[in-house]
Amino acid sequence: MQKQFTPNDLIRYIYQEMSEVEQELLMQALHSNNALMQEYIQLLSTVEFLEQVNLQPSENVVKAIKKMAQSTRLPQV
């Protein structure tokens, strides 16, 4: 009986969080299951996209935080 792999398993594979045995079993499943392969490709694409996202606050948010911090009159660090 072949193990049923979940999206969590695919993510663990992408982030190299699987044992070598699990990796081998997943690779075999990917080669024999087209739907699983498509799901893997989609997740891999999503992970690659998320790694390129620039997560920085806007200038307005930074100004609002600074303004609020100044209004509290706490000592500056």
PDB file of N, CA and C in Angstrom:
ATOM      1  N   MET A   1       0.845  -1.186   0.000  1.00  0.00           N
ATOM      2  CA  MET A   1       0.000   0.000   0.000  1.00  0.00           C
ATOM      3  C   MET A   1       0.888   1.246   0.000  1.00  0.00           C
ATOM      4  N   GLN A   2       0.570   2.158  -0.890  1.00  0.00           N
ATOM      5  CA  GLN A   2       1.375   3.373  -1.016  1.00  0.00           C
ATOM      6  C   GLN A   2       0.870   4.452  -0.058  1.00  0.00           C
ATOM      7  N   LYS A   3       1.806   5.160   0.567  1.00  0.00           N
ATOM      8  CA  LYS A   3       1.458   6.228   1.508  1.00  0.00           C
ATOM      9  C   LYS A   3       0.767   7.369   0.772  1.00  0.00           C
ATOM     10  N   GLN A   4      -0.270   7.912   1.378  1.00  0.00           N
ATOM     11  CA  GLN A   4      -0.957   9.082   0.834  1.00  0.00           C
ATOM     12  C   GLN A   4      -0.266  10.333   1.365  1.00  0.00           C
ATOM     13  N   PHE A   5       0.263  11.141   0.475  1.00  0.00           N
ATOM     14  CA  PHE A   5       0.972  12.354   0.874  1.00  0.00           C
ATOM     15  C   PHE A   5       0.018  13.538   0.895  1.00  0.00           C
ATOM     16  N   THR A   6       0.218  14.402   1.869  1.00  0.00           N
ATOM     17  CA  THR A   6      -0.624  15.583   2.062  1.00  0.00           C
ATOM     18  C   THR A   6       0.131  16.838   1.611  1.00  0.00           C
ATOM     19  N   PRO A   7      -0.591  17.970   1.494  1.00  0.00           N
ATOM     20  CA  PRO A   7       0.109  19.227   1.202  1.00  0.00           C
ATOM     21  C   PRO A   7       1.184  19.538   2.247  1.00  0.00           C
ATOM     22  N   ASN A   8       0.949  19.168   3.509  1.00  0.00           N
ATOM     23  CA  ASN A   8       1.972  19.371   4.539  1.00  0.00           C
ATOM     24  C   ASN A   8       3.235  18.574   4.234  1.00  0.00           C
ATOM     25  N   ASP A   9       3.070  17.378   3.722  1.00  0.00           N
ATOM     26  CA  ASP A   9       4.227  16.568   3.333  1.00  0.00           C
ATOM     27  C   ASP A   9       4.998  17.252   2.208  1.00  0.00           C
ATOM     28  N   LEU A  10       4.276  17.804   1.248  1.00  0.00           N
ATOM     29  CA  LEU A  10       4.927  18.488   0.127  1.00  0.00           C
ATOM     30  C   LEU A  10       5.712  19.705   0.617  1.00  0.00           C
ATOM     31  N   ILE A  11       5.144  20.431   1.556  1.00  0.00           N
ATOM     32  CA  ILE A  11       5.831  21.606   2.107  1.00  0.00           C
ATOM     33  C   ILE A  11       7.071  21.163   2.875  1.00  0.00           C
ATOM     34  N   ARG A  12       6.953  20.089   3.641  1.00  0.00           N
ATOM     35  CA  ARG A  12       8.120  19.556   4.347  1.00  0.00           C
ATOM     36  C   ARG A  12       9.208  19.156   3.367  1.00  0.00           C
ATOM     37  N   TYR A  13       8.814  18.620   2.233  1.00  0.00           N
ATOM     38  CA  TYR A  13       9.780  18.238   1.202  1.00  0.00           C
ATOM     39  C   TYR A  13      10.453  19.475   0.615  1.00  0.00           C
ATOM     40  N   ILE A  14       9.667  20.488   0.305  1.00  0.00           N
ATOM     41  CA  ILE A  14      10.206  21.727  -0.269  1.00  0.00           C
ATOM     42  C   ILE A  14      11.228  22.352   0.667  1.00  0.00           C
ATOM     43  N   TYR A  15      10.931  22.352   1.958  1.00  0.00           N
ATOM     44  CA  TYR A  15      11.829  22.962   2.945  1.00  0.00           C
ATOM     45  C   TYR A  15      12.859  21.972   3.500  1.00  0.00           C
ATOM     46  N   GLN A  16      12.972  20.809   2.865  1.00  0.00           N
ATOM     47  CA  GLN A  16      13.953  19.784   3.218  1.00  0.00           C
ATOM     48  C   GLN A  16      13.859  19.383   4.694  1.00  0.00           C
ATOM     49  N   GLU A  17      12.635  19.107   5.126  1.00  0.00           N
ATOM     50  CA  GLU A  17      12.381  18.703   6.507  1.00  0.00           C
ATOM     51  C   GLU A  17      11.941  17.244   6.600  1.00  0.00           C
ATOM     52  N   MET A  18      12.318  16.457   5.597  1.00  0.00           N
ATOM     53  CA  MET A  18      11.960  15.040   5.576  1.00  0.00           C
ATOM     54  C   MET A  18      13.210  14.191   5.706  1.00  0.00           C
ATOM     55  N   SER A  19      13.012  12.997   6.233  1.00  0.00           N
ATOM     56  CA  SER A  19      14.111  12.038   6.251  1.00  0.00           C
ATOM     57  C   SER A  19      14.382  11.580   4.814  1.00  0.00           C
ATOM     58  N   GLU A  20      15.530  10.967   4.621  1.00  0.00           N
ATOM     59  CA  GLU A  20      15.878  10.485   3.281  1.00  0.00           C
ATOM     60  C   GLU A  20      14.885   9.441   2.788  1.00  0.00           C
ATOM     61  N   VAL A  21      14.417   8.601   3.696  1.00  0.00           N
ATOM     62  CA  VAL A  21      13.447   7.565   3.324  1.00  0.00           C
ATOM     63  C   VAL A  21      12.147   8.218   2.857  1.00  0.00           C
ATOM     64  N   GLU A  22      11.657   9.210   3.621  1.00  0.00           N
ATOM     65  CA  GLU A  22      10.428   9.916   3.230  1.00  0.00           C
ATOM     66  C   GLU A  22      10.608  10.615   1.886  1.00  0.00           C
ATOM     67  N   GLN A  23      11.768  11.234   1.697  1.00  0.00           N
ATOM     68  CA  GLN A  23      12.036  11.922   0.432  1.00  0.00           C
ATOM     69  C   GLN A  23      11.964  10.958  -0.736  1.00  0.00           C
ATOM     70  N   GLU A  24      12.557   9.809  -0.576  1.00  0.00           N
ATOM     71  CA  GLU A  24      12.550   8.804  -1.642  1.00  0.00           C
ATOM     72  C   GLU A  24      11.127   8.341  -1.950  1.00  0.00           C
ATOM     73  N   LEU A  25      10.347   8.083  -0.902  1.00  0.00           N
ATOM     74  CA  LEU A  25       8.956   7.669  -1.109  1.00  0.00           C
ATOM     75  C   LEU A  25       8.145   8.760  -1.793  1.00  0.00           C
ATOM     76  N   LEU A  26       8.372  10.009  -1.401  1.00  0.00           N
ATOM     77  CA  LEU A  26       7.642  11.114  -2.020  1.00  0.00           C
ATOM     78  C   LEU A  26       8.049  11.273  -3.477  1.00  0.00           C
ATOM     79  N   MET A  27       9.329  11.169  -3.766  1.00  0.00           N
ATOM     80  CA  MET A  27       9.771  11.292  -5.164  1.00  0.00           C
ATOM     81  C   MET A  27       9.138  10.213  -6.036  1.00  0.00           C
ATOM     82  N   GLN A  28       9.058   8.998  -5.507  1.00  0.00           N
ATOM     83  CA  GLN A  28       8.400   7.917  -6.250  1.00  0.00           C
ATOM     84  C   GLN A  28       6.929   8.249  -6.484  1.00  0.00           C
ATOM     85  N   ALA A  29       6.275   8.774  -5.451  1.00  0.00           N
ATOM     86  CA  ALA A  29       4.861   9.135  -5.580  1.00  0.00           C
ATOM     87  C   ALA A  29       4.676  10.265  -6.588  1.00  0.00           C
ATOM     88  N   LEU A  30       5.583  11.234  -6.582  1.00  0.00           N
ATOM     89  CA  LEU A  30       5.481  12.348  -7.534  1.00  0.00           C
ATOM     90  C   LEU A  30       5.598  11.851  -8.973  1.00  0.00           C
ATOM     91  N   HIS A  31       6.457  10.881  -9.203  1.00  0.00           N
ATOM     92  CA  HIS A  31       6.649  10.351 -10.556  1.00  0.00           C
ATOM     93  C   HIS A  31       5.470   9.511 -11.028  1.00  0.00           C
ATOM     94  N   SER A  32       4.727   8.953 -10.093  1.00  0.00           N
ATOM     95  CA  SER A  32       3.623   8.074 -10.492  1.00  0.00           C
ATOM     96  C   SER A  32       2.242   8.710 -10.343  1.00  0.00           C
ATOM     97  N   ASN A  33       2.167   9.902  -9.730  1.00  0.00           N
ATOM     98  CA  ASN A  33       0.870  10.534  -9.471  1.00  0.00           C
ATOM     99  C   ASN A  33       0.879  11.955 -10.030  1.00  0.00           C
ATOM    100  N   ASN A  34       0.241  12.139 -11.166  1.00  0.00           N
ATOM    101  CA  ASN A  34       0.255  13.436 -11.847  1.00  0.00           C
ATOM    102  C   ASN A  34      -0.428  14.533 -11.021  1.00  0.00           C
ATOM    103  N   ALA A  35      -1.508  14.201 -10.324  1.00  0.00           N
ATOM    104  CA  ALA A  35      -2.200  15.205  -9.508  1.00  0.00           C
ATOM    105  C   ALA A  35      -1.300  15.680  -8.363  1.00  0.00           C
ATOM    106  N   LEU A  36      -0.589  14.747  -7.749  1.00  0.00           N
ATOM    107  CA  LEU A  36       0.343  15.114  -6.684  1.00  0.00           C
ATOM    108  C   LEU A  36       1.468  15.983  -7.233  1.00  0.00           C
ATOM    109  N   MET A  37       1.966  15.639  -8.414  1.00  0.00           N
ATOM    110  CA  MET A  37       3.020  16.433  -9.050  1.00  0.00           C
ATOM    111  C   MET A  37       2.532  17.857  -9.332  1.00  0.00           C
ATOM    112  N   GLN A  38       1.314  18.003  -9.811  1.00  0.00           N
ATOM    113  CA  GLN A  38       0.763  19.327 -10.085  1.00  0.00           C
ATOM    114  C   GLN A  38       0.632  20.144  -8.798  1.00  0.00           C
ATOM    115  N   GLU A  39       0.204  19.486  -7.733  1.00  0.00           N
ATOM    116  CA  GLU A  39       0.084  20.170  -6.444  1.00  0.00           C
ATOM    117  C   GLU A  39       1.465  20.603  -5.942  1.00  0.00           C
ATOM    118  N   TYR A  40       2.459  19.741  -6.127  1.00  0.00           N
ATOM    119  CA  TYR A  40       3.837  20.072  -5.737  1.00  0.00           C
ATOM    120  C   TYR A  40       4.345  21.274  -6.524  1.00  0.00           C
ATOM    121  N   ILE A  41       4.135  21.275  -7.812  1.00  0.00           N
ATOM    122  CA  ILE A  41       4.594  22.389  -8.658  1.00  0.00           C
ATOM    123  C   ILE A  41       3.922  23.685  -8.234  1.00  0.00           C
ATOM    124  N   GLN A  42       2.633  23.638  -7.942  1.00  0.00           N
ATOM    125  CA  GLN A  42       1.910  24.827  -7.504  1.00  0.00           C
ATOM    126  C   GLN A  42       2.440  25.331  -6.160  1.00  0.00           C
ATOM    127  N   LEU A  43       2.664  24.432  -5.207  1.00  0.00           N
ATOM    128  CA  LEU A  43       3.206  24.833  -3.905  1.00  0.00           C
ATOM    129  C   LEU A  43       4.624  25.390  -4.041  1.00  0.00           C
ATOM    130  N   LEU A  44       5.429  24.762  -4.884  1.00  0.00           N
ATOM    131  CA  LEU A  44       6.795  25.238  -5.097  1.00  0.00           C
ATOM    132  C   LEU A  44       6.782  26.645  -5.686  1.00  0.00           C
ATOM    133  N   SER A  45       5.904  26.878  -6.627  1.00  0.00           N
ATOM    134  CA  SER A  45       5.764  28.207  -7.230  1.00  0.00           C
ATOM    135  C   SER A  45       5.332  29.236  -6.190  1.00  0.00           C
ATOM    136  N   THR A  46       4.401  28.857  -5.341  1.00  0.00           N
ATOM    137  CA  THR A  46       3.922  29.764  -4.285  1.00  0.00           C
ATOM    138  C   THR A  46       5.038  30.093  -3.297  1.00  0.00           C
ATOM    139  N   VAL A  47       5.800  29.093  -2.892  1.00  0.00           N
ATOM    140  CA  VAL A  47       6.910  29.310  -1.957  1.00  0.00           C
ATOM    141  C   VAL A  47       7.946  30.239  -2.584  1.00  0.00           C
ATOM    142  N   GLU A  48       8.276  30.018  -3.844  1.00  0.00           N
ATOM    143  CA  GLU A  48       9.250  30.876  -4.527  1.00  0.00           C
ATOM    144  C   GLU A  48       8.740  32.309  -4.612  1.00  0.00           C
ATOM    145  N   PHE A  49       7.453  32.481  -4.877  1.00  0.00           N
ATOM    146  CA  PHE A  49       6.873  33.822  -4.932  1.00  0.00           C
ATOM    147  C   PHE A  49       6.946  34.499  -3.567  1.00  0.00           C
ATOM    148  N   LEU A  50       6.578  33.773  -2.516  1.00  0.00           N
ATOM    149  CA  LEU A  50       6.578  34.346  -1.170  1.00  0.00           C
ATOM    150  C   LEU A  50       7.975  34.747  -0.721  1.00  0.00           C
ATOM    151  N   GLU A  51       8.987  34.015  -1.159  1.00  0.00           N
ATOM    152  CA  GLU A  51      10.357  34.359  -0.798  1.00  0.00           C
ATOM    153  C   GLU A  51      10.806  35.664  -1.447  1.00  0.00           C
ATOM    154  N   GLN A  52      10.130  36.087  -2.513  1.00  0.00           N
ATOM    155  CA  GLN A  52      10.484  37.324  -3.204  1.00  0.00           C
ATOM    156  C   GLN A  52       9.711  38.531  -2.688  1.00  0.00           C
ATOM    157  N   VAL A  53       8.692  38.303  -1.880  1.00  0.00           N
ATOM    158  CA  VAL A  53       7.863  39.385  -1.372  1.00  0.00           C
ATOM    159  C   VAL A  53       8.685  40.232  -0.404  1.00  0.00           C
ATOM    160  N   ASN A  54       8.634  41.533  -0.597  1.00  0.00           N
ATOM    161  CA  ASN A  54       9.351  42.460   0.261  1.00  0.00           C
ATOM    162  C   ASN A  54       8.417  42.892   1.383  1.00  0.00           C
ATOM    163  N   LEU A  55       8.711  42.443   2.587  1.00  0.00           N
ATOM    164  CA  LEU A  55       7.839  42.723   3.719  1.00  0.00           C
ATOM    165  C   LEU A  55       8.398  43.885   4.540  1.00  0.00           C
ATOM    166  N   GLN A  56       8.028  45.077   4.137  1.00  0.00           N
ATOM    167  CA  GLN A  56       8.432  46.271   4.859  1.00  0.00           C
ATOM    168  C   GLN A  56       7.208  47.155   5.024  1.00  0.00           C
ATOM    169  N   PRO A  57       7.101  47.814   6.182  1.00  0.00           N
ATOM    170  CA  PRO A  57       5.952  48.705   6.374  1.00  0.00           C
ATOM    171  C   PRO A  57       6.069  49.932   5.478  1.00  0.00           C
ATOM    172  N   SER A  58       4.925  50.485   5.151  1.00  0.00           N
ATOM    173  CA  SER A  58       4.934  51.704   4.341  1.00  0.00           C
ATOM    174  C   SER A  58       5.470  52.869   5.173  1.00  0.00           C
ATOM    175  N   GLU A  59       5.859  53.927   4.496  1.00  0.00           N
ATOM    176  CA  GLU A  59       6.370  55.112   5.176  1.00  0.00           C
ATOM    177  C   GLU A  59       5.308  55.708   6.104  1.00  0.00           C
ATOM    178  N   ASN A  60       4.039  55.652   5.699  1.00  0.00           N
ATOM    179  CA  ASN A  60       2.960  56.170   6.539  1.00  0.00           C
ATOM    180  C   ASN A  60       2.851  55.405   7.856  1.00  0.00           C
ATOM    181  N   VAL A  61       3.028  54.110   7.804  1.00  0.00           N
ATOM    182  CA  VAL A  61       2.957  53.297   9.011  1.00  0.00           C
ATOM    183  C   VAL A  61       4.123  53.647   9.935  1.00  0.00           C
ATOM    184  N   VAL A  62       5.320  53.776   9.373  1.00  0.00           N
ATOM    185  CA  VAL A  62       6.486  54.126  10.177  1.00  0.00           C
ATOM    186  C   VAL A  62       6.276  55.490  10.837  1.00  0.00           C
ATOM    187  N   LYS A  63       5.772  56.464  10.087  1.00  0.00           N
ATOM    188  CA  LYS A  63       5.519  57.801  10.640  1.00  0.00           C
ATOM    189  C   LYS A  63       4.483  57.741  11.759  1.00  0.00           C
ATOM    190  N   ALA A  64       3.435  56.957  11.578  1.00  0.00           N
ATOM    191  CA  ALA A  64       2.393  56.847  12.599  1.00  0.00           C
ATOM    192  C   ALA A  64       2.949  56.224  13.881  1.00  0.00           C
ATOM    193  N   ILE A  65       3.793  55.221  13.742  1.00  0.00           N
ATOM    194  CA  ILE A  65       4.397  54.581  14.917  1.00  0.00           C
ATOM    195  C   ILE A  65       5.307  55.573  15.639  1.00  0.00           C
ATOM    196  N   LYS A  66       6.109  56.299  14.874  1.00  0.00           N
ATOM    197  CA  LYS A  66       7.004  57.287  15.488  1.00  0.00           C
ATOM    198  C   LYS A  66       6.213  58.376  16.196  1.00  0.00           C
ATOM    199  N   LYS A  67       5.136  58.826  15.559  1.00  0.00           N
ATOM    200  CA  LYS A  67       4.306  59.872  16.167  1.00  0.00           C
ATOM    201  C   LYS A  67       3.701  59.376  17.475  1.00  0.00           C
ATOM    202  N   MET A  68       3.202  58.130  17.477  1.00  0.00           N
ATOM    203  CA  MET A  68       2.611  57.576  18.683  1.00  0.00           C
ATOM    204  C   MET A  68       3.673  57.415  19.773  1.00  0.00           C
ATOM    205  N   ALA A  69       4.854  56.986  19.379  1.00  0.00           N
ATOM    206  CA  ALA A  69       5.929  56.808  20.352  1.00  0.00           C
ATOM    207  C   ALA A  69       6.324  58.143  20.975  1.00  0.00           C
ATOM    208  N   GLN A  70       6.348  59.193  20.170  1.00  0.00           N
ATOM    209  CA  GLN A  70       6.691  60.511  20.694  1.00  0.00           C
ATOM    210  C   GLN A  70       5.620  61.011  21.651  1.00  0.00           C
ATOM    211  N   SER A  71       4.379  60.697  21.388  1.00  0.00           N
ATOM    212  CA  SER A  71       3.284  61.176  22.234  1.00  0.00           C
ATOM    213  C   SER A  71       3.271  60.490  23.600  1.00  0.00           C
ATOM    214  N   THR A  72       3.914  59.355  23.733  1.00  0.00           N
ATOM    215  CA  THR A  72       3.953  58.665  25.022  1.00  0.00           C
ATOM    216  C   THR A  72       5.020  59.252  25.938  1.00  0.00           C
ATOM    217  N   ARG A  73       5.919  60.019  25.386  1.00  0.00           N
ATOM    218  CA  ARG A  73       7.001  60.688  26.117  1.00  0.00           C
ATOM    219  C   ARG A  73       7.878  59.709  26.906  1.00  0.00           C
ATOM    220  N   LEU A  74       8.042  58.542  26.343  1.00  0.00           N
ATOM    221  CA  LEU A  74       8.966  57.583  26.948  1.00  0.00           C
ATOM    222  C   LEU A  74      10.384  57.930  26.517  1.00  0.00           C
ATOM    223  N   PRO A  75      11.394  57.553  27.298  1.00  0.00           N
ATOM    224  CA  PRO A  75      12.765  57.844  26.901  1.00  0.00           C
ATOM    225  C   PRO A  75      13.116  57.125  25.600  1.00  0.00           C
ATOM    226  N   GLN A  76      13.874  57.806  24.769  1.00  0.00           N
ATOM    227  CA  GLN A  76      14.271  57.210  23.499  1.00  0.00           C
ATOM    228  C   GLN A  76      15.410  56.232  23.721  1.00  0.00           C
ATOM    229  N   VAL A  77      15.422  55.214  22.915  1.00  0.00           N
ATOM    230  CA  VAL A  77      16.457  54.192  23.029  1.00  0.00           C
ATOM    231  C   VAL A  77      17.510  54.439  21.977  1.00  0.00           C
TER     232      VAL A  77
END
